[in-house]
């Protein structure tokens, strides 16, 4: 299992989360926020309201998830961070596997 983090504008986070779920690229998405993000862009510190997506997927779908998130993401430089999972309870892992099986099959 892998976890992907990505921040998005508030107005498109729900649509992108639902699309990734519908395509079975993820088993679960947590929409965290809204939160305030501060970052460097074009030589200045920017501040925006965003939603962070916490996406849970199967190892085999990582590349496809990254590609699809890049397609859907409105930012020129989207934040896409993949975190390998050191431990996951076996029942939860089985559930993630079952929910993403159609995309892997």
PDB file of N, CA and C in Angstrom:
ATOM      1  N   UNK A   1       0.838  -1.177   0.000  1.00  0.00           N
ATOM      2  CA  UNK A   1       0.000   0.000   0.000  1.00  0.00           C
ATOM      3  C   UNK A   1       0.883   1.240   0.000  1.00  0.00           C
ATOM      4  N   UNK A   2       0.398   2.272  -0.651  1.00  0.00           N
ATOM      5  CA  UNK A   2       1.077   3.575  -0.685  1.00  0.00           C
ATOM      6  C   UNK A   2       0.086   4.662  -0.307  1.00  0.00           C
ATOM      7  N   UNK A   3       0.633   5.734   0.238  1.00  0.00           N
ATOM      8  CA  UNK A   3      -0.158   6.922   0.526  1.00  0.00           C
ATOM      9  C   UNK A   3       0.386   8.044  -0.339  1.00  0.00           C
ATOM     10  N   UNK A   4      -0.513   8.778  -0.950  1.00  0.00           N
ATOM     11  CA  UNK A   4      -0.141   9.923  -1.776  1.00  0.00           C
ATOM     12  C   UNK A   4      -0.727  11.174  -1.131  1.00  0.00           C
ATOM     13  N   UNK A   5       0.094  12.216  -1.041  1.00  0.00           N
ATOM     14  CA  UNK A   5      -0.351  13.521  -0.555  1.00  0.00           C
ATOM     15  C   UNK A   5      -0.355  14.501  -1.719  1.00  0.00           C
ATOM     16  N   UNK A   6      -1.399  15.303  -1.780  1.00  0.00           N
ATOM     17  CA  UNK A   6      -1.455  16.343  -2.801  1.00  0.00           C
ATOM     18  C   UNK A   6      -2.346  17.475  -2.318  1.00  0.00           C
ATOM     19  N   UNK A   7      -1.872  18.706  -2.462  1.00  0.00           N
ATOM     20  CA  UNK A   7      -2.702  19.856  -2.124  1.00  0.00           C
ATOM     21  C   UNK A   7      -3.304  20.422  -3.402  1.00  0.00           C
ATOM     22  N   UNK A   8      -4.561  20.876  -3.254  1.00  0.00           N
ATOM     23  CA  UNK A   8      -5.316  21.376  -4.395  1.00  0.00           C
ATOM     24  C   UNK A   8      -6.130  22.591  -3.996  1.00  0.00           C
ATOM     25  N   UNK A   9      -6.550  23.385  -4.982  1.00  0.00           N
ATOM     26  CA  UNK A   9      -7.474  24.472  -4.679  1.00  0.00           C
ATOM     27  C   UNK A   9      -8.785  23.896  -4.116  1.00  0.00           C
ATOM     28  N   UNK A  10      -9.384  24.635  -3.225  1.00  0.00           N
ATOM     29  CA  UNK A  10     -10.616  24.190  -2.575  1.00  0.00           C
ATOM     30  C   UNK A  10     -11.691  23.846  -3.605  1.00  0.00           C
ATOM     31  N   UNK A  11     -11.783  24.634  -4.686  1.00  0.00           N
ATOM     32  CA  UNK A  11     -12.883  24.462  -5.631  1.00  0.00           C
ATOM     33  C   UNK A  11     -12.789  23.228  -6.519  1.00  0.00           C
ATOM     34  N   UNK A  12     -11.674  22.519  -6.521  1.00  0.00           N
ATOM     35  CA  UNK A  12     -11.577  21.338  -7.386  1.00  0.00           C
ATOM     36  C   UNK A  12     -11.197  20.064  -6.640  1.00  0.00           C
ATOM     37  N   UNK A  13     -10.917  20.149  -5.362  1.00  0.00           N
ATOM     38  CA  UNK A  13     -10.459  18.978  -4.611  1.00  0.00           C
ATOM     39  C   UNK A  13     -11.493  17.859  -4.577  1.00  0.00           C
ATOM     40  N   UNK A  14     -12.743  18.196  -4.334  1.00  0.00           N
ATOM     41  CA  UNK A  14     -13.796  17.180  -4.249  1.00  0.00           C
ATOM     42  C   UNK A  14     -13.971  16.460  -5.586  1.00  0.00           C
ATOM     43  N   UNK A  15     -13.965  17.215  -6.680  1.00  0.00           N
ATOM     44  CA  UNK A  15     -14.135  16.622  -8.014  1.00  0.00           C
ATOM     45  C   UNK A  15     -12.988  15.654  -8.319  1.00  0.00           C
ATOM     46  N   UNK A  16     -11.768  16.054  -8.025  1.00  0.00           N
ATOM     47  CA  UNK A  16     -10.613  15.198  -8.303  1.00  0.00           C
ATOM     48  C   UNK A  16     -10.630  13.962  -7.416  1.00  0.00           C
ATOM     49  N   UNK A  17     -10.965  14.126  -6.148  1.00  0.00           N
ATOM     50  CA  UNK A  17     -11.060  12.973  -5.242  1.00  0.00           C
ATOM     51  C   UNK A  17     -12.093  11.972  -5.754  1.00  0.00           C
ATOM     52  N   UNK A  18     -13.246  12.459  -6.149  1.00  0.00           N
ATOM     53  CA  UNK A  18     -14.313  11.579  -6.650  1.00  0.00           C
ATOM     54  C   UNK A  18     -13.903  10.885  -7.939  1.00  0.00           C
ATOM     55  N   UNK A  19     -13.217  11.585  -8.819  1.00  0.00           N
ATOM     56  CA  UNK A  19     -12.751  10.986 -10.079  1.00  0.00           C
ATOM     57  C   UNK A  19     -11.778   9.843  -9.808  1.00  0.00           C
ATOM     58  N   UNK A  20     -10.814  10.061  -8.924  1.00  0.00           N
ATOM     59  CA  UNK A  20      -9.825   9.021  -8.616  1.00  0.00           C
ATOM     60  C   UNK A  20     -10.478   7.807  -7.965  1.00  0.00           C
ATOM     61  N   UNK A  21     -11.488   8.040  -7.128  1.00  0.00           N
ATOM     62  CA  UNK A  21     -12.243   6.933  -6.537  1.00  0.00           C
ATOM     63  C   UNK A  21     -13.038   6.189  -7.602  1.00  0.00           C
ATOM     64  N   UNK A  22     -13.732   6.921  -8.454  1.00  0.00           N
ATOM     65  CA  UNK A  22     -14.553   6.299  -9.502  1.00  0.00           C
ATOM     66  C   UNK A  22     -13.711   5.453 -10.449  1.00  0.00           C
ATOM     67  N   UNK A  23     -12.489   5.884 -10.699  1.00  0.00           N
ATOM     68  CA  UNK A  23     -11.585   5.145 -11.579  1.00  0.00           C
ATOM     69  C   UNK A  23     -10.849   4.024 -10.852  1.00  0.00           C
ATOM     70  N   UNK A  24     -11.128   3.857  -9.565  1.00  0.00           N
ATOM     71  CA  UNK A  24     -10.553   2.802  -8.718  1.00  0.00           C
ATOM     72  C   UNK A  24      -9.030   2.893  -8.612  1.00  0.00           C
ATOM     73  N   UNK A  25      -8.487   4.097  -8.787  1.00  0.00           N
ATOM     74  CA  UNK A  25      -7.051   4.292  -8.608  1.00  0.00           C
ATOM     75  C   UNK A  25      -6.697   4.440  -7.141  1.00  0.00           C
ATOM     76  N   UNK A  26      -7.697   4.719  -6.330  1.00  0.00           N
ATOM     77  CA  UNK A  26      -7.540   4.805  -4.882  1.00  0.00           C
ATOM     78  C   UNK A  26      -8.713   4.099  -4.216  1.00  0.00           C
ATOM     79  N   UNK A  27      -8.469   3.608  -3.011  1.00  0.00           N
ATOM     80  CA  UNK A  27      -9.531   2.969  -2.235  1.00  0.00           C
ATOM     81  C   UNK A  27     -10.225   3.968  -1.327  1.00  0.00           C
ATOM     82  N   UNK A  28      -9.495   5.004  -0.925  1.00  0.00           N
ATOM     83  CA  UNK A  28     -10.012   5.974   0.039  1.00  0.00           C
ATOM     84  C   UNK A  28      -9.283   7.296  -0.158  1.00  0.00           C
ATOM     85  N   UNK A  29     -10.019   8.377   0.033  1.00  0.00           N
ATOM     86  CA  UNK A  29      -9.432   9.717  -0.007  1.00  0.00           C
ATOM     87  C   UNK A  29      -9.930  10.494   1.208  1.00  0.00           C
ATOM     88  N   UNK A  30      -9.002  11.061   1.948  1.00  0.00           N
ATOM     89  CA  UNK A  30      -9.366  11.997   3.009  1.00  0.00           C
ATOM     90  C   UNK A  30      -9.107  13.392   2.478  1.00  0.00           C
ATOM     91  N   UNK A  31     -10.096  14.257   2.606  1.00  0.00           N
ATOM     92  CA  UNK A  31      -9.954  15.657   2.227  1.00  0.00           C
ATOM     93  C   UNK A  31      -9.741  16.442   3.509  1.00  0.00           C
ATOM     94  N   UNK A  32      -8.533  16.941   3.694  1.00  0.00           N
ATOM     95  CA  UNK A  32      -8.152  17.631   4.917  1.00  0.00           C
ATOM     96  C   UNK A  32      -8.141  19.131   4.684  1.00  0.00           C
ATOM     97  N   UNK A  33      -8.838  19.853   5.520  1.00  0.00           N
ATOM     98  CA  UNK A  33      -8.857  21.294   5.400  1.00  0.00           C
ATOM     99  C   UNK A  33     -10.275  21.814   5.270  1.00  0.00           C
ATOM    100  N   UNK A  34     -10.407  23.043   4.848  1.00  0.00           N
ATOM    101  CA  UNK A  34      -9.379  23.828   4.190  1.00  0.00           C
ATOM    102  C   UNK A  34      -8.236  24.184   5.136  1.00  0.00           C
ATOM    103  N   UNK A  35      -7.070  24.333   4.529  1.00  0.00           N
ATOM    104  CA  UNK A  35      -5.879  24.708   5.261  1.00  0.00           C
ATOM    105  C   UNK A  35      -5.193  25.846   4.530  1.00  0.00           C
ATOM    106  N   UNK A  36      -4.357  26.540   5.252  1.00  0.00           N
ATOM    107  CA  UNK A  36      -3.615  27.640   4.642  1.00  0.00           C
ATOM    108  C   UNK A  36      -2.236  27.150   4.262  1.00  0.00           C
ATOM    109  N   UNK A  37      -1.884  27.336   3.016  1.00  0.00           N
ATOM    110  CA  UNK A  37      -0.550  26.979   2.531  1.00  0.00           C
ATOM    111  C   UNK A  37       0.230  28.246   2.225  1.00  0.00           C
ATOM    112  N   UNK A  38       1.478  28.248   2.652  1.00  0.00           N
ATOM    113  CA  UNK A  38       2.396  29.356   2.350  1.00  0.00           C
ATOM    114  C   UNK A  38       3.611  28.757   1.667  1.00  0.00           C
ATOM    115  N   UNK A  39       4.000  29.349   0.560  1.00  0.00           N
ATOM    116  CA  UNK A  39       5.067  28.774  -0.249  1.00  0.00           C
ATOM    117  C   UNK A  39       5.675  29.839  -1.156  1.00  0.00           C
ATOM    118  N   UNK A  40       6.877  29.532  -1.626  1.00  0.00           N
ATOM    119  CA  UNK A  40       7.547  30.404  -2.594  1.00  0.00           C
ATOM    120  C   UNK A  40       7.024  30.106  -3.985  1.00  0.00           C
ATOM    121  N   UNK A  41       6.680  31.151  -4.729  1.00  0.00           N
ATOM    122  CA  UNK A  41       6.304  31.007  -6.127  1.00  0.00           C
ATOM    123  C   UNK A  41       6.581  32.322  -6.827  1.00  0.00           C
ATOM    124  N   UNK A  42       7.255  32.255  -7.965  1.00  0.00           N
ATOM    125  CA  UNK A  42       7.607  33.452  -8.741  1.00  0.00           C
ATOM    126  C   UNK A  42       8.344  34.492  -7.897  1.00  0.00           C
ATOM    127  N   UNK A  43       9.254  34.008  -7.032  1.00  0.00           N
ATOM    128  CA  UNK A  43      10.107  34.905  -6.281  1.00  0.00           C
ATOM    129  C   UNK A  43       9.466  35.580  -5.085  1.00  0.00           C
ATOM    130  N   UNK A  44       8.256  35.160  -4.720  1.00  0.00           N
ATOM    131  CA  UNK A  44       7.587  35.777  -3.580  1.00  0.00           C
ATOM    132  C   UNK A  44       6.860  34.707  -2.760  1.00  0.00           C
ATOM    133  N   UNK A  45       6.626  35.033  -1.512  1.00  0.00           N
ATOM    134  CA  UNK A  45       5.865  34.118  -0.661  1.00  0.00           C
ATOM    135  C   UNK A  45       4.383  34.291  -0.968  1.00  0.00           C
ATOM    136  N   UNK A  46       3.738  33.189  -1.274  1.00  0.00           N
ATOM    137  CA  UNK A  46       2.309  33.164  -1.599  1.00  0.00           C
ATOM    138  C   UNK A  46       1.539  32.537  -0.441  1.00  0.00           C
ATOM    139  N   UNK A  47       0.273  32.876  -0.323  1.00  0.00           N
ATOM    140  CA  UNK A  47      -0.615  32.276   0.665  1.00  0.00           C
ATOM    141  C   UNK A  47      -1.919  31.918  -0.030  1.00  0.00           C
ATOM    142  N   UNK A  48      -2.342  30.655   0.125  1.00  0.00           N
ATOM    143  CA  UNK A  48      -3.591  30.190  -0.488  1.00  0.00           C
ATOM    144  C   UNK A  48      -4.330  29.262   0.445  1.00  0.00           C
ATOM    145  N   UNK A  49      -5.639  29.218   0.280  1.00  0.00           N
ATOM    146  CA  UNK A  49      -6.464  28.223   0.944  1.00  0.00           C
ATOM    147  C   UNK A  49      -6.499  26.994   0.042  1.00  0.00           C
ATOM    148  N   UNK A  50      -6.203  25.840   0.613  1.00  0.00           N
ATOM    149  CA  UNK A  50      -6.155  24.601  -0.157  1.00  0.00           C
ATOM    150  C   UNK A  50      -6.797  23.467   0.636  1.00  0.00           C
ATOM    151  N   UNK A  51      -6.984  22.370  -0.047  1.00  0.00           N
ATOM    152  CA  UNK A  51      -7.392  21.104   0.550  1.00  0.00           C
ATOM    153  C   UNK A  51      -6.254  20.126   0.321  1.00  0.00           C
ATOM    154  N   UNK A  52      -5.901  19.365   1.340  1.00  0.00           N
ATOM    155  CA  UNK A  52      -4.913  18.311   1.150  1.00  0.00           C
ATOM    156  C   UNK A  52      -5.649  16.992   0.971  1.00  0.00           C
ATOM    157  N   UNK A  53      -5.312  16.295  -0.091  1.00  0.00           N
ATOM    158  CA  UNK A  53      -5.840  14.954  -0.303  1.00  0.00           C
ATOM    159  C   UNK A  53      -4.848  13.957   0.260  1.00  0.00           C
ATOM    160  N   UNK A  54      -5.356  13.025   1.031  1.00  0.00           N
ATOM    161  CA  UNK A  54      -4.593  11.904   1.560  1.00  0.00           C
ATOM    162  C   UNK A  54      -5.191  10.676   0.871  1.00  0.00           C
ATOM    163  N   UNK A  55      -4.471  10.160  -0.125  1.00  0.00           N
ATOM    164  CA  UNK A  55      -4.991   9.101  -0.997  1.00  0.00           C
ATOM    165  C   UNK A  55      -4.340   7.770  -0.666  1.00  0.00           C
ATOM    166  N   UNK A  56      -5.150   6.715  -0.533  1.00  0.00           N
ATOM    167  CA  UNK A  56      -4.620   5.383  -0.248  1.00  0.00           C
ATOM    168  C   UNK A  56      -4.796   4.507  -1.481  1.00  0.00           C
ATOM    169  N   UNK A  57      -3.701   3.878  -1.912  1.00  0.00           N
ATOM    170  CA  UNK A  57      -3.731   3.079  -3.124  1.00  0.00           C
ATOM    171  C   UNK A  57      -2.895   1.814  -2.973  1.00  0.00           C
ATOM    172  N   UNK A  58      -3.015   0.952  -3.937  1.00  0.00           N
ATOM    173  CA  UNK A  58      -2.224  -0.280  -4.009  1.00  0.00           C
ATOM    174  C   UNK A  58      -0.877   0.056  -4.647  1.00  0.00           C
ATOM    175  N   UNK A  59       0.169  -0.639  -4.227  1.00  0.00           N
ATOM    176  CA  UNK A  59       1.518  -0.401  -4.775  1.00  0.00           C
ATOM    177  C   UNK A  59       1.530  -0.405  -6.300  1.00  0.00           C
ATOM    178  N   UNK A  60       0.813  -1.348  -6.894  1.00  0.00           N
ATOM    179  CA  UNK A  60       0.822  -1.505  -8.348  1.00  0.00           C
ATOM    180  C   UNK A  60       0.193  -0.328  -9.093  1.00  0.00           C
ATOM    181  N   UNK A  61      -0.574   0.495  -8.396  1.00  0.00           N
ATOM    182  CA  UNK A  61      -1.267   1.610  -9.048  1.00  0.00           C
ATOM    183  C   UNK A  61      -0.553   2.948  -8.883  1.00  0.00           C
ATOM    184  N   UNK A  62       0.585   2.948  -8.230  1.00  0.00           N
ATOM    185  CA  UNK A  62       1.270   4.201  -7.921  1.00  0.00           C
ATOM    186  C   UNK A  62       1.563   5.024  -9.173  1.00  0.00           C
ATOM    187  N   UNK A  63       2.134   4.419 -10.173  1.00  0.00           N
ATOM    188  CA  UNK A  63       2.489   5.147 -11.399  1.00  0.00           C
ATOM    189  C   UNK A  63       1.247   5.686 -12.095  1.00  0.00           C
ATOM    190  N   UNK A  64       0.205   4.876 -12.190  1.00  0.00           N
ATOM    191  CA  UNK A  64      -1.036   5.323 -12.830  1.00  0.00           C
ATOM    192  C   UNK A  64      -1.687   6.451 -12.044  1.00  0.00           C
ATOM    193  N   UNK A  65      -1.647   6.363 -10.710  1.00  0.00           N
ATOM    194  CA  UNK A  65      -2.216   7.422  -9.883  1.00  0.00           C
ATOM    195  C   UNK A  65      -1.462   8.730 -10.097  1.00  0.00           C
ATOM    196  N   UNK A  66      -0.150   8.679 -10.109  1.00  0.00           N
ATOM    197  CA  UNK A  66       0.658   9.881 -10.334  1.00  0.00           C
ATOM    198  C   UNK A  66       0.316  10.501 -11.690  1.00  0.00           C
ATOM    199  N   UNK A  67       0.264   9.686 -12.731  1.00  0.00           N
ATOM    200  CA  UNK A  67      -0.044  10.197 -14.072  1.00  0.00           C
ATOM    201  C   UNK A  67      -1.429  10.845 -14.128  1.00  0.00           C
ATOM    202  N   UNK A  68      -2.408  10.173 -13.539  1.00  0.00           N
ATOM    203  CA  UNK A  68      -3.782  10.685 -13.584  1.00  0.00           C
ATOM    204  C   UNK A  68      -3.912  11.955 -12.748  1.00  0.00           C
ATOM    205  N   UNK A  69      -3.267  11.985 -11.600  1.00  0.00           N
ATOM    206  CA  UNK A  69      -3.317  13.181 -10.764  1.00  0.00           C
ATOM    207  C   UNK A  69      -2.670  14.364 -11.480  1.00  0.00           C
ATOM    208  N   UNK A  70      -1.594  14.117 -12.197  1.00  0.00           N
ATOM    209  CA  UNK A  70      -0.974  15.194 -13.001  1.00  0.00           C
ATOM    210  C   UNK A  70      -1.941  15.710 -14.062  1.00  0.00           C
ATOM    211  N   UNK A  71      -2.685  14.802 -14.699  1.00  0.00           N
ATOM    212  CA  UNK A  71      -3.666  15.211 -15.721  1.00  0.00           C
ATOM    213  C   UNK A  71      -4.778  16.069 -15.132  1.00  0.00           C
ATOM    214  N   UNK A  72      -5.255  15.696 -13.949  1.00  0.00           N
ATOM    215  CA  UNK A  72      -6.397  16.374 -13.344  1.00  0.00           C
ATOM    216  C   UNK A  72      -6.031  17.636 -12.578  1.00  0.00           C
ATOM    217  N   UNK A  73      -4.810  17.715 -12.107  1.00  0.00           N
ATOM    218  CA  UNK A  73      -4.371  18.783 -11.206  1.00  0.00           C
ATOM    219  C   UNK A  73      -4.264  20.107 -11.949  1.00  0.00           C
ATOM    220  N   UNK A  74      -4.792  21.192 -11.377  1.00  0.00           N
ATOM    221  CA  UNK A  74      -4.752  22.478 -12.069  1.00  0.00           C
ATOM    222  C   UNK A  74      -3.434  23.240 -11.945  1.00  0.00           C
ATOM    223  N   UNK A  75      -2.558  22.838 -11.025  1.00  0.00           N
ATOM    224  CA  UNK A  75      -1.327  23.595 -10.816  1.00  0.00           C
ATOM    225  C   UNK A  75      -0.269  23.252 -11.853  1.00  0.00           C
ATOM    226  N   UNK A  76       0.546  24.249 -12.174  1.00  0.00           N
ATOM    227  CA  UNK A  76       1.677  24.052 -13.077  1.00  0.00           C
ATOM    228  C   UNK A  76       2.683  23.066 -12.474  1.00  0.00           C
ATOM    229  N   UNK A  77       2.887  23.162 -11.172  1.00  0.00           N
ATOM    230  CA  UNK A  77       3.786  22.265 -10.447  1.00  0.00           C
ATOM    231  C   UNK A  77       2.996  21.651  -9.282  1.00  0.00           C
ATOM    232  N   UNK A  78       2.272  20.566  -9.563  1.00  0.00           N
ATOM    233  CA  UNK A  78       1.459  19.987  -8.488  1.00  0.00           C
ATOM    234  C   UNK A  78       2.308  19.271  -7.438  1.00  0.00           C
ATOM    235  N   UNK A  79       1.851  19.362  -6.206  1.00  0.00           N
ATOM    236  CA  UNK A  79       2.471  18.587  -5.139  1.00  0.00           C
ATOM    237  C   UNK A  79       1.920  17.166  -5.225  1.00  0.00           C
ATOM    238  N   UNK A  80       2.798  16.217  -5.495  1.00  0.00           N
ATOM    239  CA  UNK A  80       2.443  14.795  -5.497  1.00  0.00           C
ATOM    240  C   UNK A  80       3.569  14.090  -4.754  1.00  0.00           C
ATOM    241  N   UNK A  81       3.261  13.641  -3.543  1.00  0.00           N
ATOM    242  CA  UNK A  81       4.255  13.006  -2.688  1.00  0.00           C
ATOM    243  C   UNK A  81       3.762  11.604  -2.372  1.00  0.00           C
ATOM    244  N   UNK A  82       4.560  10.603  -2.704  1.00  0.00           N
ATOM    245  CA  UNK A  82       4.209   9.209  -2.422  1.00  0.00           C
ATOM    246  C   UNK A  82       4.986   8.750  -1.198  1.00  0.00           C
ATOM    247  N   UNK A  83       4.254   8.169  -0.265  1.00  0.00           N
ATOM    248  CA  UNK A  83       4.850   7.684   0.974  1.00  0.00           C
ATOM    249  C   UNK A  83       4.657   6.170   1.055  1.00  0.00           C
ATOM    250  N   UNK A  84       5.742   5.419   1.122  1.00  0.00           N
ATOM    251  CA  UNK A  84       5.587   3.968   1.318  1.00  0.00           C
ATOM    252  C   UNK A  84       5.096   3.716   2.740  1.00  0.00           C
ATOM    253  N   UNK A  85       4.276   2.729   2.890  1.00  0.00           N
ATOM    254  CA  UNK A  85       3.702   2.405   4.195  1.00  0.00           C
ATOM    255  C   UNK A  85       4.520   1.294   4.826  1.00  0.00           C
ATOM    256  N   UNK A  86       5.001   1.538   6.023  1.00  0.00           N
ATOM    257  CA  UNK A  86       5.811   0.557   6.728  1.00  0.00           C
ATOM    258  C   UNK A  86       4.958  -0.549   7.338  1.00  0.00           C
ATOM    259  N   UNK A  87       3.783  -0.176   7.836  1.00  0.00           N
ATOM    260  CA  UNK A  87       2.871  -1.169   8.401  1.00  0.00           C
ATOM    261  C   UNK A  87       1.444  -0.743   8.108  1.00  0.00           C
ATOM    262  N   UNK A  88       0.620  -1.727   7.805  1.00  0.00           N
ATOM    263  CA  UNK A  88      -0.821  -1.511   7.683  1.00  0.00           C
ATOM    264  C   UNK A  88      -1.496  -2.772   8.214  1.00  0.00           C
ATOM    265  N   UNK A  89      -2.586  -2.599   8.926  1.00  0.00           N
ATOM    266  CA  UNK A  89      -3.255  -3.779   9.473  1.00  0.00           C
ATOM    267  C   UNK A  89      -3.738  -4.655   8.316  1.00  0.00           C
ATOM    268  N   UNK A  90      -3.572  -5.959   8.436  1.00  0.00           N
ATOM    269  CA  UNK A  90      -3.965  -6.863   7.351  1.00  0.00           C
ATOM    270  C   UNK A  90      -5.417  -6.696   6.881  1.00  0.00           C
ATOM    271  N   UNK A  91      -6.397  -6.515   7.763  1.00  0.00           N
ATOM    272  CA  UNK A  91      -7.756  -6.328   7.262  1.00  0.00           C
ATOM    273  C   UNK A  91      -7.914  -5.051   6.423  1.00  0.00           C
ATOM    274  N   UNK A  92      -7.249  -3.969   6.827  1.00  0.00           N
ATOM    275  CA  UNK A  92      -7.334  -2.731   6.059  1.00  0.00           C
ATOM    276  C   UNK A  92      -6.633  -2.886   4.712  1.00  0.00           C
ATOM    277  N   UNK A  93      -5.485  -3.530   4.701  1.00  0.00           N
ATOM    278  CA  UNK A  93      -4.772  -3.764   3.449  1.00  0.00           C
ATOM    279  C   UNK A  93      -5.614  -4.608   2.501  1.00  0.00           C
ATOM    280  N   UNK A  94      -6.273  -5.626   3.020  1.00  0.00           N
ATOM    281  CA  UNK A  94      -7.148  -6.463   2.187  1.00  0.00           C
ATOM    282  C   UNK A  94      -8.288  -5.631   1.604  1.00  0.00           C
ATOM    283  N   UNK A  95      -8.800  -4.704   2.397  1.00  0.00           N
ATOM    284  CA  UNK A  95      -9.873  -3.837   1.915  1.00  0.00           C
ATOM    285  C   UNK A  95      -9.366  -2.918   0.792  1.00  0.00           C
ATOM    286  N   UNK A  96      -8.186  -2.304   0.981  1.00  0.00           N
ATOM    287  CA  UNK A  96      -7.604  -1.445  -0.064  1.00  0.00           C
ATOM    288  C   UNK A  96      -7.407  -2.259  -1.333  1.00  0.00           C
ATOM    289  N   UNK A  97      -6.862  -3.451  -1.197  1.00  0.00           N
ATOM    290  CA  UNK A  97      -6.625  -4.328  -2.354  1.00  0.00           C
ATOM    291  C   UNK A  97      -7.942  -4.623  -3.084  1.00  0.00           C
ATOM    292  N   UNK A  98      -8.976  -4.946  -2.321  1.00  0.00           N
ATOM    293  CA  UNK A  98     -10.271  -5.292  -2.920  1.00  0.00           C
ATOM    294  C   UNK A  98     -10.893  -4.095  -3.646  1.00  0.00           C
ATOM    295  N   UNK A  99     -10.743  -2.907  -3.104  1.00  0.00           N
ATOM    296  CA  UNK A  99     -11.362  -1.730  -3.711  1.00  0.00           C
ATOM    297  C   UNK A  99     -10.644  -1.272  -4.970  1.00  0.00           C
ATOM    298  N   UNK A 100      -9.368  -1.577  -5.094  1.00  0.00           N
ATOM    299  CA  UNK A 100      -8.604  -1.145  -6.271  1.00  0.00           C
ATOM    300  C   UNK A 100      -8.405  -2.263  -7.274  1.00  0.00           C
ATOM    301  N   UNK A 101      -8.889  -3.454  -6.966  1.00  0.00           N
ATOM    302  CA  UNK A 101      -8.699  -4.605  -7.858  1.00  0.00           C
ATOM    303  C   UNK A 101      -9.182  -4.363  -9.283  1.00  0.00           C
ATOM    304  N   UNK A 102     -10.376  -3.734  -9.493  1.00  0.00           N
ATOM    305  CA  UNK A 102     -10.800  -3.512 -10.888  1.00  0.00           C
ATOM    306  C   UNK A 102      -9.799  -2.717 -11.713  1.00  0.00           C
ATOM    307  N   UNK A 103      -9.124  -1.762 -11.106  1.00  0.00           N
ATOM    308  CA  UNK A 103      -8.133  -0.961 -11.846  1.00  0.00           C
ATOM    309  C   UNK A 103      -6.862  -1.747 -12.115  1.00  0.00           C
ATOM    310  N   UNK A 104      -6.580  -2.726 -11.263  1.00  0.00           N
ATOM    311  CA  UNK A 104      -5.369  -3.528 -11.434  1.00  0.00           C
ATOM    312  C   UNK A 104      -5.612  -4.738 -12.323  1.00  0.00           C
ATOM    313  N   UNK A 105      -6.871  -5.163 -12.371  1.00  0.00           N
ATOM    314  CA  UNK A 105      -7.200  -6.386 -13.104  1.00  0.00           C
ATOM    315  C   UNK A 105      -7.231  -6.176 -14.551  1.00  0.00           C
TER     316      UNK A 105
END
